């Protein structure tokens, strides 16, 4: 009984080990031969940065290295593009890459636009952590920000986007025309404040 038992076990183990050798051999080949990227193809890459600062090249490298771009140079381009209007603010940047060239476009969040509208003096983000924004912006600023954010808003009308921006003002910690943004949200809901259609 025992010889046949051994024989029964040994033959599947050979086929198993044979199969496993084949399956192990495949992945390294597929990894070492990635599909060639067409350099003329347009690729959008999104990165979070602090305006005006050259980020660590190591954080950019995995995203843009495979596209044939130099992380250090792109980091400098991003810093240059964001230095004037977005210095010290956390913003998302879109890199439109084609033929090993990258076009930098800032895609600001609602919070970044609200903080920018506060026109606060610049602070050193490394020294001041968890910055609180206690300033005030005008309701006109809110409508202007809502118009900028409109294409990315889930609201059907501009008034809905305005309410979203007022919610952002609550999170940021600022007032709108000296009022609590929640009160203005309520007034819009009750029809006391009129919002333009677009």
N, C-alpha and C. Protein backbone atom coordinates (compact mmCIF):
# COMPACT_ATOMS: atom_id res chain seq x y z
N UNK A 1 0.84 -1.21 0.00
CA UNK A 1 0.00 0.00 0.00
C UNK A 1 0.87 1.25 0.00
N UNK A 2 1.92 1.23 0.85
CA UNK A 2 2.71 2.46 0.97
C UNK A 2 3.42 2.87 -0.31
N UNK A 3 4.03 1.94 -1.15
CA UNK A 3 4.67 2.42 -2.37
C UNK A 3 3.71 3.15 -3.30
N UNK A 4 2.49 2.55 -3.47
CA UNK A 4 1.55 3.21 -4.38
C UNK A 4 1.13 4.58 -3.82
N UNK A 5 1.05 4.67 -2.51
CA UNK A 5 0.69 5.94 -1.87
C UNK A 5 1.75 7.00 -2.19
N UNK A 6 3.03 6.60 -2.09
CA UNK A 6 4.13 7.52 -2.39
C UNK A 6 4.09 7.92 -3.85
N UNK A 7 3.85 6.91 -4.70
CA UNK A 7 3.83 7.17 -6.15
C UNK A 7 2.70 8.16 -6.49
N UNK A 8 1.54 7.95 -5.85
CA UNK A 8 0.38 8.81 -6.11
C UNK A 8 0.71 10.27 -5.76
N UNK A 9 1.46 10.47 -4.67
CA UNK A 9 1.80 11.82 -4.24
C UNK A 9 2.86 12.47 -5.10
N UNK A 10 3.84 11.63 -5.51
CA UNK A 10 5.00 12.22 -6.17
C UNK A 10 4.67 12.75 -7.55
N UNK A 11 3.79 12.05 -8.30
CA UNK A 11 3.57 12.52 -9.67
C UNK A 11 2.81 13.85 -9.71
N UNK A 12 1.72 14.10 -8.90
CA UNK A 12 1.12 15.44 -8.93
C UNK A 12 2.08 16.51 -8.45
N UNK A 13 2.95 16.14 -7.44
CA UNK A 13 3.85 17.19 -6.94
C UNK A 13 4.79 17.66 -8.03
N UNK A 14 5.17 16.72 -8.94
CA UNK A 14 6.04 17.13 -10.05
C UNK A 14 5.30 18.11 -10.95
N UNK A 15 4.04 17.72 -11.27
CA UNK A 15 3.30 18.61 -12.18
C UNK A 15 3.03 19.94 -11.49
N UNK A 16 2.77 19.88 -10.19
CA UNK A 16 2.54 21.14 -9.47
C UNK A 16 3.78 22.01 -9.49
N UNK A 17 4.95 21.36 -9.16
CA UNK A 17 6.17 22.16 -9.14
C UNK A 17 6.50 22.66 -10.54
N UNK A 18 6.22 21.82 -11.54
CA UNK A 18 6.47 22.26 -12.93
C UNK A 18 5.61 23.46 -13.27
N UNK A 19 4.32 23.38 -12.88
CA UNK A 19 3.41 24.49 -13.19
C UNK A 19 3.83 25.74 -12.44
N UNK A 20 4.23 25.53 -11.17
CA UNK A 20 4.59 26.72 -10.39
C UNK A 20 5.85 27.37 -10.94
N UNK A 21 6.78 26.57 -11.47
CA UNK A 21 7.99 27.16 -12.06
C UNK A 21 7.62 28.04 -13.23
N UNK A 22 6.66 27.56 -14.04
CA UNK A 22 6.23 28.34 -15.20
C UNK A 22 5.55 29.63 -14.76
N UNK A 23 4.65 29.52 -13.76
CA UNK A 23 3.91 30.71 -13.36
C UNK A 23 4.81 31.74 -12.68
N UNK A 24 5.85 31.26 -11.99
CA UNK A 24 6.79 32.20 -11.35
C UNK A 24 7.64 32.90 -12.40
N UNK A 25 7.92 32.19 -13.48
CA UNK A 25 8.79 32.77 -14.51
C UNK A 25 8.12 33.90 -15.28
N UNK A 26 6.75 33.91 -15.32
CA UNK A 26 6.07 34.90 -16.15
C UNK A 26 6.10 36.33 -15.60
N UNK A 27 5.72 36.56 -14.32
CA UNK A 27 5.64 37.94 -13.85
C UNK A 27 6.90 38.78 -14.02
N UNK A 28 8.13 38.25 -13.70
CA UNK A 28 9.30 39.12 -13.90
C UNK A 28 9.42 39.61 -15.34
N UNK A 29 9.10 38.73 -16.32
CA UNK A 29 9.18 39.15 -17.72
C UNK A 29 8.21 40.28 -18.01
N UNK A 30 6.97 40.13 -17.48
CA UNK A 30 5.97 41.17 -17.75
C UNK A 30 6.37 42.48 -17.06
N UNK A 31 7.10 42.36 -15.93
CA UNK A 31 7.51 43.57 -15.22
C UNK A 31 8.69 44.26 -15.90
N UNK A 32 9.60 43.47 -16.41
CA UNK A 32 10.79 44.06 -17.03
C UNK A 32 10.49 44.63 -18.40
N UNK A 33 9.37 44.23 -18.99
CA UNK A 33 9.02 44.74 -20.32
C UNK A 33 7.71 45.52 -20.27
N UNK A 34 7.70 46.71 -19.64
CA UNK A 34 6.45 47.47 -19.58
C UNK A 34 6.07 47.96 -20.97
N UNK A 35 4.76 48.20 -21.19
CA UNK A 35 4.37 48.69 -22.51
C UNK A 35 5.00 50.05 -22.78
N UNK A 36 5.49 50.26 -23.96
CA UNK A 36 6.13 51.53 -24.32
C UNK A 36 5.08 52.63 -24.34
N UNK A 37 5.39 53.74 -23.67
CA UNK A 37 4.47 54.87 -23.65
C UNK A 37 4.70 55.73 -24.88
N UNK A 38 3.63 56.04 -25.57
CA UNK A 38 3.74 56.90 -26.75
C UNK A 38 3.98 58.33 -26.27
N UNK A 39 5.16 58.92 -26.57
CA UNK A 39 5.46 60.26 -26.04
C UNK A 39 4.50 61.34 -26.53
N UNK A 40 3.84 61.12 -27.67
CA UNK A 40 2.92 62.14 -28.18
C UNK A 40 1.55 62.07 -27.49
N UNK A 41 1.35 61.02 -26.71
CA UNK A 41 0.08 60.87 -25.98
C UNK A 41 0.01 61.93 -24.87
N UNK A 42 -1.18 62.52 -24.67
CA UNK A 42 -1.35 63.53 -23.61
C UNK A 42 -1.74 62.82 -22.32
N UNK A 43 -0.97 63.08 -21.25
CA UNK A 43 -1.24 62.45 -19.96
C UNK A 43 -1.39 63.56 -18.91
N UNK A 44 -2.46 63.50 -18.11
CA UNK A 44 -2.67 64.46 -17.02
C UNK A 44 -2.23 63.83 -15.70
N UNK A 45 -1.38 64.54 -14.97
CA UNK A 45 -0.91 64.07 -13.67
C UNK A 45 -1.26 65.13 -12.63
N UNK A 46 -1.87 64.72 -11.51
CA UNK A 46 -2.25 65.67 -10.46
C UNK A 46 -1.34 65.50 -9.25
N UNK A 47 -0.83 66.62 -8.73
CA UNK A 47 0.01 66.57 -7.53
C UNK A 47 -0.40 67.68 -6.56
N UNK A 48 -0.31 67.37 -5.26
CA UNK A 48 -0.60 68.37 -4.21
C UNK A 48 0.71 69.05 -3.85
N UNK A 49 0.71 70.37 -3.85
CA UNK A 49 1.95 71.10 -3.54
C UNK A 49 1.65 72.28 -2.63
N UNK A 50 2.71 72.85 -2.07
CA UNK A 50 2.60 74.12 -1.35
C UNK A 50 3.10 75.20 -2.29
N UNK A 51 2.25 76.17 -2.56
CA UNK A 51 2.58 77.22 -3.53
C UNK A 51 3.91 77.89 -3.27
N UNK A 52 4.71 78.01 -4.32
CA UNK A 52 5.99 78.72 -4.23
C UNK A 52 7.13 77.90 -3.66
N UNK A 53 6.86 76.65 -3.27
CA UNK A 53 7.93 75.82 -2.71
C UNK A 53 8.31 74.71 -3.69
N UNK A 54 9.61 74.45 -3.78
CA UNK A 54 10.08 73.33 -4.60
C UNK A 54 9.93 72.07 -3.75
N UNK A 55 8.97 71.23 -4.12
CA UNK A 55 8.74 70.00 -3.36
C UNK A 55 9.88 69.02 -3.52
N UNK A 56 9.84 67.97 -2.71
CA UNK A 56 10.88 66.94 -2.80
C UNK A 56 10.78 66.22 -4.14
N UNK A 57 11.89 66.16 -4.85
CA UNK A 57 11.91 65.48 -6.16
C UNK A 57 11.50 64.02 -6.00
N UNK A 58 11.80 63.43 -4.83
CA UNK A 58 11.48 62.02 -4.60
C UNK A 58 9.98 61.76 -4.63
N UNK A 59 9.17 62.77 -4.24
CA UNK A 59 7.72 62.57 -4.26
C UNK A 59 7.16 62.71 -5.67
N UNK A 60 7.84 63.48 -6.51
CA UNK A 60 7.40 63.64 -7.90
C UNK A 60 7.86 62.49 -8.80
N UNK A 61 9.04 61.96 -8.48
CA UNK A 61 9.69 60.96 -9.35
C UNK A 61 8.79 59.79 -9.76
N UNK A 62 8.07 59.13 -8.80
CA UNK A 62 7.26 57.98 -9.22
C UNK A 62 6.15 58.35 -10.21
N UNK A 63 5.65 59.59 -10.10
CA UNK A 63 4.54 60.00 -10.97
C UNK A 63 5.00 60.44 -12.35
N UNK A 64 6.12 61.17 -12.40
CA UNK A 64 6.51 61.76 -13.69
C UNK A 64 7.76 61.15 -14.31
N UNK A 65 8.52 60.39 -13.50
CA UNK A 65 9.72 59.73 -14.03
C UNK A 65 9.42 58.84 -15.23
N UNK A 66 8.37 57.97 -15.12
CA UNK A 66 8.05 57.09 -16.26
C UNK A 66 7.65 57.86 -17.53
N UNK A 67 7.29 59.14 -17.38
CA UNK A 67 6.88 59.94 -18.55
C UNK A 67 8.07 60.66 -19.19
N UNK A 68 9.27 60.37 -18.67
CA UNK A 68 10.48 60.95 -19.26
C UNK A 68 10.75 62.38 -18.83
N UNK A 69 10.21 62.78 -17.65
CA UNK A 69 10.42 64.15 -17.16
C UNK A 69 11.40 64.15 -15.99
N UNK A 70 12.14 65.25 -15.85
CA UNK A 70 13.09 65.37 -14.74
C UNK A 70 12.36 65.96 -13.53
N UNK A 71 12.22 65.19 -12.43
CA UNK A 71 11.47 65.66 -11.27
C UNK A 71 11.96 67.00 -10.72
N UNK A 72 13.29 67.20 -10.69
CA UNK A 72 13.84 68.44 -10.13
C UNK A 72 13.38 69.66 -10.93
N UNK A 73 13.45 69.54 -12.26
CA UNK A 73 13.05 70.67 -13.12
C UNK A 73 11.55 70.94 -12.99
N UNK A 74 10.74 69.88 -12.98
CA UNK A 74 9.29 70.04 -12.86
C UNK A 74 8.95 70.68 -11.52
N UNK A 75 9.65 70.27 -10.45
CA UNK A 75 9.44 70.87 -9.13
C UNK A 75 9.69 72.36 -9.16
N UNK A 76 10.75 72.77 -9.86
CA UNK A 76 11.07 74.20 -9.99
C UNK A 76 10.01 74.93 -10.81
N UNK A 77 9.53 74.29 -11.89
CA UNK A 77 8.47 74.89 -12.72
C UNK A 77 7.19 75.10 -11.92
N UNK A 78 6.84 74.11 -11.09
CA UNK A 78 5.63 74.21 -10.26
C UNK A 78 5.78 75.35 -9.26
N UNK A 79 6.97 75.43 -8.62
CA UNK A 79 7.21 76.50 -7.64
C UNK A 79 7.07 77.87 -8.28
N UNK A 80 7.61 78.00 -9.50
CA UNK A 80 7.56 79.28 -10.23
C UNK A 80 6.11 79.65 -10.57
N UNK A 81 5.36 78.66 -11.02
CA UNK A 81 3.97 78.89 -11.45
C UNK A 81 3.06 79.25 -10.28
N UNK A 82 3.37 78.71 -9.09
CA UNK A 82 2.48 78.91 -7.93
C UNK A 82 2.96 80.01 -6.99
N UNK A 83 4.17 80.54 -7.22
CA UNK A 83 4.77 81.50 -6.28
C UNK A 83 3.97 82.79 -6.14
N UNK A 84 3.48 83.31 -7.27
CA UNK A 84 2.86 84.64 -7.24
C UNK A 84 1.51 84.65 -6.53
N UNK A 85 0.60 83.80 -6.99
CA UNK A 85 -0.77 83.85 -6.47
C UNK A 85 -1.06 82.88 -5.33
N UNK A 86 -0.27 81.81 -5.22
CA UNK A 86 -0.62 80.74 -4.28
C UNK A 86 0.47 80.48 -3.25
N UNK A 87 1.34 81.43 -3.02
CA UNK A 87 2.48 81.23 -2.12
C UNK A 87 2.00 80.80 -0.72
N UNK A 88 2.55 79.68 -0.26
CA UNK A 88 2.23 79.20 1.09
C UNK A 88 0.93 78.44 1.21
N UNK A 89 0.14 78.38 0.12
CA UNK A 89 -1.15 77.67 0.18
C UNK A 89 -1.01 76.27 -0.42
N UNK A 90 -1.74 75.32 0.16
CA UNK A 90 -1.76 73.96 -0.39
C UNK A 90 -2.72 73.93 -1.57
N UNK A 91 -2.21 73.61 -2.74
CA UNK A 91 -3.05 73.55 -3.93
C UNK A 91 -2.75 72.29 -4.74
N UNK A 92 -3.71 71.91 -5.56
CA UNK A 92 -3.49 70.81 -6.50
C UNK A 92 -3.03 71.40 -7.81
N UNK A 93 -2.03 70.76 -8.41
CA UNK A 93 -1.50 71.23 -9.69
C UNK A 93 -1.71 70.12 -10.72
N UNK A 94 -2.17 70.52 -11.89
CA UNK A 94 -2.33 69.55 -12.98
C UNK A 94 -1.15 69.71 -13.94
N UNK A 95 -0.46 68.61 -14.19
CA UNK A 95 0.63 68.61 -15.18
C UNK A 95 0.10 67.93 -16.44
N UNK A 96 0.00 68.69 -17.52
CA UNK A 96 -0.41 68.11 -18.80
C UNK A 96 0.86 67.76 -19.56
N UNK A 97 1.14 66.47 -19.67
CA UNK A 97 2.42 66.00 -20.22
C UNK A 97 2.24 65.49 -21.65
N UNK A 98 3.09 65.99 -22.54
CA UNK A 98 3.12 65.51 -23.93
C UNK A 98 4.52 65.75 -24.49
N UNK A 99 5.04 64.76 -25.20
CA UNK A 99 6.39 64.85 -25.80
C UNK A 99 7.46 65.31 -24.79
N UNK A 100 7.39 64.73 -23.61
CA UNK A 100 8.35 65.01 -22.53
C UNK A 100 8.36 66.48 -22.10
N UNK A 101 7.25 67.17 -22.33
CA UNK A 101 7.08 68.56 -21.87
C UNK A 101 5.87 68.57 -20.94
N UNK A 102 5.92 69.41 -19.90
CA UNK A 102 4.79 69.49 -18.97
C UNK A 102 4.27 70.92 -18.85
N UNK A 103 2.96 71.07 -19.00
CA UNK A 103 2.32 72.37 -18.81
C UNK A 103 1.70 72.36 -17.42
N UNK A 104 2.03 73.37 -16.61
CA UNK A 104 1.57 73.43 -15.22
C UNK A 104 0.30 74.28 -15.12
N UNK A 105 -0.76 73.72 -14.54
CA UNK A 105 -2.00 74.47 -14.31
C UNK A 105 -2.42 74.26 -12.86
N UNK A 106 -2.73 75.36 -12.16
CA UNK A 106 -3.19 75.24 -10.77
C UNK A 106 -4.69 74.91 -10.79
N UNK A 107 -5.06 73.88 -10.02
CA UNK A 107 -6.47 73.51 -9.89
C UNK A 107 -6.83 73.74 -8.42
N UNK A 108 -7.18 74.98 -8.05
CA UNK A 108 -7.36 75.29 -6.63
C UNK A 108 -8.61 74.66 -6.04
N UNK A 109 -8.53 74.31 -4.78
CA UNK A 109 -9.71 73.82 -4.06
C UNK A 109 -10.50 75.03 -3.59
N UNK A 110 -11.74 74.79 -3.17
CA UNK A 110 -12.57 75.88 -2.65
C UNK A 110 -11.90 76.51 -1.43
N UNK A 111 -11.30 75.67 -0.58
CA UNK A 111 -10.65 76.19 0.63
C UNK A 111 -9.49 77.11 0.27
N UNK A 112 -8.69 76.71 -0.73
CA UNK A 112 -7.55 77.55 -1.15
C UNK A 112 -8.04 78.89 -1.68
N UNK A 113 -9.15 78.89 -2.41
CA UNK A 113 -9.71 80.14 -2.95
C UNK A 113 -10.24 81.03 -1.84
N UNK A 114 -10.87 80.42 -0.83
CA UNK A 114 -11.39 81.20 0.31
C UNK A 114 -10.23 81.82 1.07
N UNK A 115 -9.20 81.02 1.36
CA UNK A 115 -8.04 81.52 2.12
C UNK A 115 -7.33 82.62 1.33
N UNK A 116 -7.26 82.44 0.01
CA UNK A 116 -6.63 83.47 -0.83
C UNK A 116 -7.42 84.78 -0.75
N UNK A 117 -8.76 84.67 -0.76
CA UNK A 117 -9.62 85.85 -0.70
C UNK A 117 -9.48 86.59 0.63
N UNK A 118 -9.05 85.88 1.68
CA UNK A 118 -8.86 86.52 3.00
C UNK A 118 -7.68 87.50 2.99
N UNK A 119 -6.78 87.32 1.99
CA UNK A 119 -5.59 88.19 1.85
C UNK A 119 -4.81 88.31 3.17
N UNK A 120 -4.62 87.18 3.82
CA UNK A 120 -3.87 87.18 5.08
C UNK A 120 -2.37 87.30 4.80
N UNK A 121 -1.63 87.86 5.77
CA UNK A 121 -0.17 87.90 5.57
C UNK A 121 0.38 86.48 5.50
N UNK A 122 1.42 86.33 4.72
CA UNK A 122 2.01 85.00 4.55
C UNK A 122 2.62 84.51 5.86
N UNK A 123 2.45 83.21 6.13
CA UNK A 123 3.05 82.64 7.35
C UNK A 123 3.97 81.48 6.96
N UNK A 124 4.93 81.25 7.82
CA UNK A 124 5.85 80.13 7.57
C UNK A 124 5.16 78.84 8.00
N UNK A 125 4.80 78.02 7.02
CA UNK A 125 4.06 76.79 7.32
C UNK A 125 4.87 75.81 8.17
N UNK A 126 6.19 75.92 8.10
CA UNK A 126 7.03 74.98 8.88
C UNK A 126 7.00 75.35 10.36
N UNK A 127 6.85 76.66 10.65
CA UNK A 127 6.85 77.10 12.04
C UNK A 127 5.44 77.13 12.64
N UNK A 128 4.45 77.52 11.82
CA UNK A 128 3.08 77.65 12.32
C UNK A 128 2.25 76.47 11.81
N UNK A 129 1.88 75.60 12.74
CA UNK A 129 1.09 74.42 12.37
C UNK A 129 -0.39 74.70 12.66
N UNK A 130 -1.27 73.96 11.96
CA UNK A 130 -2.72 74.07 12.14
C UNK A 130 -3.19 75.53 12.17
N UNK A 131 -2.88 76.24 11.11
CA UNK A 131 -3.22 77.66 11.02
C UNK A 131 -4.73 77.84 11.05
N UNK A 132 -5.19 78.76 11.92
CA UNK A 132 -6.62 79.09 11.98
C UNK A 132 -6.82 80.39 11.21
N UNK A 133 -7.89 80.43 10.42
CA UNK A 133 -8.19 81.62 9.63
C UNK A 133 -9.43 82.28 10.21
N UNK A 134 -9.26 83.44 10.82
CA UNK A 134 -10.40 84.06 11.49
C UNK A 134 -10.85 85.34 10.79
N UNK A 135 -10.43 85.52 9.54
CA UNK A 135 -10.76 86.76 8.83
C UNK A 135 -12.18 86.78 8.30
N UNK A 136 -12.43 87.74 7.42
CA UNK A 136 -13.75 87.94 6.85
C UNK A 136 -13.62 88.14 5.34
N UNK A 137 -14.54 87.54 4.57
CA UNK A 137 -14.58 87.81 3.14
C UNK A 137 -15.98 88.33 2.79
N UNK A 138 -16.09 88.97 1.65
CA UNK A 138 -17.39 89.51 1.26
C UNK A 138 -18.23 88.43 0.58
N UNK A 139 -19.54 88.66 0.56
CA UNK A 139 -20.44 87.72 -0.11
C UNK A 139 -20.15 87.69 -1.61
N UNK A 140 -19.70 88.83 -2.15
CA UNK A 140 -19.31 88.89 -3.57
C UNK A 140 -18.15 87.93 -3.84
N UNK A 141 -17.20 87.87 -2.86
CA UNK A 141 -16.08 86.93 -2.99
C UNK A 141 -16.61 85.49 -3.08
N UNK A 142 -17.60 85.20 -2.23
CA UNK A 142 -18.17 83.84 -2.19
C UNK A 142 -18.79 83.49 -3.55
N UNK A 143 -19.53 84.45 -4.13
CA UNK A 143 -20.16 84.20 -5.43
C UNK A 143 -19.10 84.01 -6.51
N UNK A 144 -18.03 84.82 -6.43
CA UNK A 144 -16.94 84.72 -7.41
C UNK A 144 -16.27 83.34 -7.33
N UNK A 145 -16.02 82.89 -6.09
CA UNK A 145 -15.40 81.56 -5.88
C UNK A 145 -16.35 80.47 -6.39
N UNK A 146 -17.64 80.64 -6.13
CA UNK A 146 -18.64 79.65 -6.58
C UNK A 146 -18.63 79.54 -8.10
N UNK A 147 -18.46 80.67 -8.78
CA UNK A 147 -18.41 80.64 -10.26
C UNK A 147 -17.18 79.87 -10.75
N UNK A 148 -16.05 80.06 -10.05
CA UNK A 148 -14.82 79.34 -10.43
C UNK A 148 -15.00 77.83 -10.21
N UNK A 149 -15.65 77.48 -9.09
CA UNK A 149 -15.81 76.07 -8.72
C UNK A 149 -17.00 75.40 -9.41
N UNK A 150 -17.82 76.19 -10.08
CA UNK A 150 -19.07 75.68 -10.68
C UNK A 150 -18.88 74.41 -11.52
N UNK A 151 -17.88 74.36 -12.44
CA UNK A 151 -17.75 73.14 -13.26
C UNK A 151 -17.50 71.87 -12.44
N UNK A 152 -16.93 72.03 -11.24
CA UNK A 152 -16.61 70.86 -10.42
C UNK A 152 -17.66 70.60 -9.33
N UNK A 153 -18.68 71.45 -9.29
CA UNK A 153 -19.70 71.34 -8.24
C UNK A 153 -20.74 70.29 -8.61
N UNK A 154 -21.30 69.65 -7.59
CA UNK A 154 -22.36 68.67 -7.85
C UNK A 154 -23.73 69.34 -7.82
N UNK A 155 -23.79 70.60 -7.40
CA UNK A 155 -25.06 71.32 -7.31
C UNK A 155 -25.62 71.61 -8.70
N UNK A 156 -26.96 71.63 -8.79
CA UNK A 156 -27.61 71.88 -10.08
C UNK A 156 -27.56 73.36 -10.45
N UNK A 157 -27.62 74.23 -9.44
CA UNK A 157 -27.66 75.68 -9.69
C UNK A 157 -26.52 76.37 -8.96
N UNK A 158 -26.25 77.61 -9.36
CA UNK A 158 -25.16 78.38 -8.72
C UNK A 158 -25.44 78.56 -7.23
N UNK A 159 -26.72 78.72 -6.87
CA UNK A 159 -27.06 78.92 -5.44
C UNK A 159 -26.59 77.72 -4.61
N UNK A 160 -26.68 76.51 -5.19
CA UNK A 160 -26.19 75.32 -4.49
C UNK A 160 -24.69 75.36 -4.31
N UNK A 161 -23.99 75.83 -5.34
CA UNK A 161 -22.52 75.94 -5.26
C UNK A 161 -22.14 77.00 -4.23
N UNK A 162 -22.91 78.10 -4.18
CA UNK A 162 -22.66 79.16 -3.18
C UNK A 162 -22.78 78.58 -1.78
N UNK A 163 -23.81 77.73 -1.57
CA UNK A 163 -23.97 77.12 -0.25
C UNK A 163 -22.80 76.20 0.07
N UNK A 164 -22.28 75.50 -0.96
CA UNK A 164 -21.09 74.64 -0.76
C UNK A 164 -19.90 75.50 -0.30
N UNK A 165 -19.71 76.66 -0.97
CA UNK A 165 -18.58 77.53 -0.62
C UNK A 165 -18.75 78.09 0.79
N UNK A 166 -19.99 78.41 1.16
CA UNK A 166 -20.25 78.89 2.54
C UNK A 166 -19.89 77.79 3.54
N UNK A 167 -20.15 76.53 3.17
CA UNK A 167 -19.76 75.40 4.02
C UNK A 167 -18.24 75.34 4.17
N UNK A 168 -17.54 75.66 3.08
CA UNK A 168 -16.07 75.70 3.12
C UNK A 168 -15.61 76.82 4.06
N UNK A 169 -16.32 77.96 4.01
CA UNK A 169 -15.98 79.09 4.90
C UNK A 169 -16.10 78.68 6.37
N UNK A 170 -17.11 77.84 6.66
CA UNK A 170 -17.28 77.34 8.04
C UNK A 170 -16.05 76.53 8.42
N UNK A 171 -15.62 75.63 7.51
CA UNK A 171 -14.45 74.77 7.78
C UNK A 171 -13.19 75.60 7.95
N UNK A 172 -13.03 76.62 7.10
CA UNK A 172 -11.83 77.47 7.15
C UNK A 172 -11.82 78.29 8.44
N UNK A 173 -13.02 78.70 8.88
CA UNK A 173 -13.12 79.46 10.13
C UNK A 173 -13.33 80.95 9.95
N UNK A 174 -13.67 81.38 8.73
CA UNK A 174 -13.85 82.82 8.49
C UNK A 174 -15.33 83.19 8.48
N UNK A 175 -15.59 84.50 8.53
CA UNK A 175 -16.96 85.00 8.43
C UNK A 175 -17.18 85.56 7.03
N UNK A 176 -18.45 85.77 6.68
CA UNK A 176 -18.80 86.34 5.37
C UNK A 176 -19.64 87.59 5.63
N UNK A 177 -19.13 88.74 5.19
CA UNK A 177 -19.78 90.02 5.50
C UNK A 177 -20.04 90.16 7.00
N UNK A 178 -19.10 89.65 7.80
CA UNK A 178 -19.20 89.76 9.25
C UNK A 178 -20.17 88.78 9.89
N UNK A 179 -20.80 87.92 9.08
CA UNK A 179 -21.78 86.97 9.63
C UNK A 179 -21.22 85.55 9.63
N UNK A 180 -21.86 84.70 10.44
CA UNK A 180 -21.55 83.27 10.42
C UNK A 180 -22.04 82.71 9.08
N UNK A 181 -21.17 82.02 8.33
CA UNK A 181 -21.59 81.48 7.02
C UNK A 181 -22.84 80.59 7.10
N UNK A 182 -23.04 79.92 8.26
CA UNK A 182 -24.22 79.05 8.42
C UNK A 182 -25.51 79.87 8.36
N UNK A 183 -25.45 81.09 8.94
CA UNK A 183 -26.64 81.96 8.93
C UNK A 183 -26.99 82.35 7.50
N UNK A 184 -25.95 82.63 6.68
CA UNK A 184 -26.20 83.02 5.29
C UNK A 184 -26.75 81.83 4.50
N UNK A 185 -26.24 80.63 4.80
CA UNK A 185 -26.78 79.42 4.16
C UNK A 185 -28.28 79.31 4.42
N UNK A 186 -28.65 79.57 5.69
CA UNK A 186 -30.06 79.50 6.09
C UNK A 186 -30.89 80.54 5.35
N UNK A 187 -30.33 81.77 5.24
CA UNK A 187 -31.04 82.86 4.55
C UNK A 187 -31.27 82.52 3.07
N UNK A 188 -30.27 81.87 2.45
CA UNK A 188 -30.41 81.48 1.04
C UNK A 188 -31.53 80.44 0.91
N UNK A 189 -31.52 79.48 1.84
CA UNK A 189 -32.51 78.42 1.81
C UNK A 189 -33.92 78.98 1.97
N UNK A 190 -34.04 80.01 2.80
CA UNK A 190 -35.37 80.60 3.05
C UNK A 190 -35.73 81.67 2.03
N UNK A 191 -34.84 81.89 1.06
CA UNK A 191 -35.14 82.84 -0.01
C UNK A 191 -34.92 84.30 0.35
N UNK A 192 -34.27 84.55 1.50
CA UNK A 192 -34.03 85.94 1.92
C UNK A 192 -32.86 86.57 1.15
N UNK A 193 -31.96 85.73 0.66
CA UNK A 193 -30.81 86.22 -0.11
C UNK A 193 -30.93 85.69 -1.53
N UNK A 194 -30.88 86.59 -2.49
CA UNK A 194 -31.00 86.16 -3.89
C UNK A 194 -29.63 85.88 -4.49
N UNK A 195 -29.55 84.80 -5.23
CA UNK A 195 -28.30 84.41 -5.89
C UNK A 195 -28.51 84.51 -7.40
N UNK A 196 -27.57 85.12 -8.13
CA UNK A 196 -27.72 85.14 -9.59
C UNK A 196 -27.79 83.72 -10.16
N UNK A 197 -28.39 83.59 -11.34
CA UNK A 197 -28.54 82.25 -11.92
C UNK A 197 -27.22 81.66 -12.37
N UNK A 198 -26.30 82.55 -12.85
CA UNK A 198 -25.00 82.03 -13.26
C UNK A 198 -23.90 83.05 -13.01
